[in-house]
C-alpha atoms as a PDB file:
ATOM      1  CA  MET A   1      -7.869 133.683  14.301  1.00  0.00           C
ATOM      2  CA  LYS A   2      -5.121 135.739  12.222  1.00  0.00           C
ATOM      3  CA  GLU A   3      -8.310 135.821   9.940  1.00  0.00           C
ATOM      4  CA  PHE A   4     -10.692 137.396  12.634  1.00  0.00           C
ATOM      5  CA  ILE A   5      -8.136 140.647  13.850  1.00  0.00           C
ATOM      6  CA  GLY A   6      -7.167 142.270  10.418  1.00  0.00           C
ATOM      7  CA  LYS A   7     -11.021 142.729   9.344  1.00  0.00           C
ATOM      8  CA  ASP A   8     -12.465 145.396   9.028  1.00  0.00           C
ATOM      9  CA  PRO A   9     -15.968 144.850  12.172  1.00  0.00           C
ATOM     10  CA  PRO A  10     -18.280 147.008  10.332  1.00  0.00           C
ATOM     11  CA  THR A  11     -17.695 143.608   7.235  1.00  0.00           C
ATOM     12  CA  PHE A  12     -17.425 140.596   9.606  1.00  0.00           C
ATOM     13  CA  MET A  13     -20.451 142.110  11.375  1.00  0.00           C
ATOM     14  CA  GLU A  14     -22.199 141.905   7.651  1.00  0.00           C
ATOM     15  CA  GLU A  15     -20.242 138.405   7.435  1.00  0.00           C
ATOM     16  CA  ARG A  16     -21.849 137.120  10.698  1.00  0.00           C
ATOM     17  CA  LYS A  17     -25.736 138.722   8.987  1.00  0.00           C
ATOM     18  CA  HIS A  18     -24.782 136.773   5.728  1.00  0.00           C
ATOM     19  CA  GLN A  19     -23.456 133.481   7.556  1.00  0.00           C
ATOM     20  CA  LYS A  20     -26.701 133.538  10.167  1.00  0.00           C
ATOM     21  CA  GLU A  21     -28.935 134.057   7.350  1.00  0.00           C
ATOM     22  CA  GLU A  22     -28.188 131.458   5.360  1.00  0.00           C
ATOM     23  CA  TYR A  23     -27.973 128.789   8.672  1.00  0.00           C
ATOM     24  CA  ASP A  24     -31.605 129.603   9.183  1.00  0.00           C
ATOM     25  CA  MET A  25     -32.754 128.684   5.296  1.00  0.00           C
ATOM     26  CA  GLU A  26     -30.808 125.266   5.888  1.00  0.00           C
ATOM     27  CA  MET A  27     -32.338 124.599   8.999  1.00  0.00           C
ATOM     28  CA  ALA A  28     -35.320 125.163   8.385  1.00  0.00           C
ATOM     29  CA  GLU A  29     -35.004 123.437   5.200  1.00  0.00           C
ATOM     30  CA  PHE A  30     -33.363 120.300   7.255  1.00  0.00           C
ATOM     31  CA  ALA A  31     -37.229 120.760   9.928  1.00  0.00           C
ATOM     32  CA  GLU A  32     -38.529 120.082   6.981  1.00  0.00           C
ATOM     33  CA  GLN A  33     -36.940 118.166   5.822  1.00  0.00           C
ATOM     34  CA  PHE A  34     -36.982 115.428   8.233  1.00  0.00           C
ATOM     35  CA  SER A  35     -40.390 116.801  10.100  1.00  0.00           C
ATOM     36  CA  LYS A  36     -42.334 113.750   8.261  1.00  0.00           C
ATOM     37  CA  PHE A  37     -40.265 110.950  10.746  1.00  0.00           C
ATOM     38  CA  LYS A  38     -42.120 111.034  14.142  1.00  0.00           C
ATOM     39  CA  GLU A  39     -39.187 109.655  15.435  1.00  0.00           C
ATOM     40  CA  LEU A  40     -38.252 113.099  14.837  1.00  0.00           C
ATOM     41  CA  LYS A  41     -40.773 114.839  16.156  1.00  0.00           C
ATOM     42  CA  LYS A  42     -38.976 116.669  19.624  1.00  0.00           C
ATOM     43  CA  PRO A  43     -36.034 117.852  18.195  1.00  0.00           C
ATOM     44  CA  VAL A  44     -37.300 118.805  15.710  1.00  0.00           C
ATOM     45  CA  THR A  45     -40.302 120.469  16.938  1.00  0.00           C
ATOM     46  CA  ASN A  46     -37.207 122.313  19.172  1.00  0.00           C
ATOM     47  CA  THR A  47     -35.164 123.140  16.228  1.00  0.00           C
ATOM     48  CA  LYS A  48     -38.942 125.305  14.238  1.00  0.00           C
ATOM     49  CA  LYS A  49     -38.778 127.051  18.000  1.00  0.00           C
ATOM     50  CA  VAL A  50     -35.323 128.060  18.049  1.00  0.00           C
ATOM     51  CA  LEU A  51     -35.817 129.756  14.053  1.00  0.00           C
ATOM     52  CA  LEU A  52     -39.048 131.908  15.597  1.00  0.00           C
END
């Protein structure tokens, strides 16, 4: 919590945007990697929809 209180809001927001971009990219890779498993079709499809 102390980390966030002391940060400049614009810098903090840029950091959060960057983290989201990284997260989205990792989740897209995850979905692609596991899309070949028939048992995981539903969760992978849901993950892809969230990324749109």
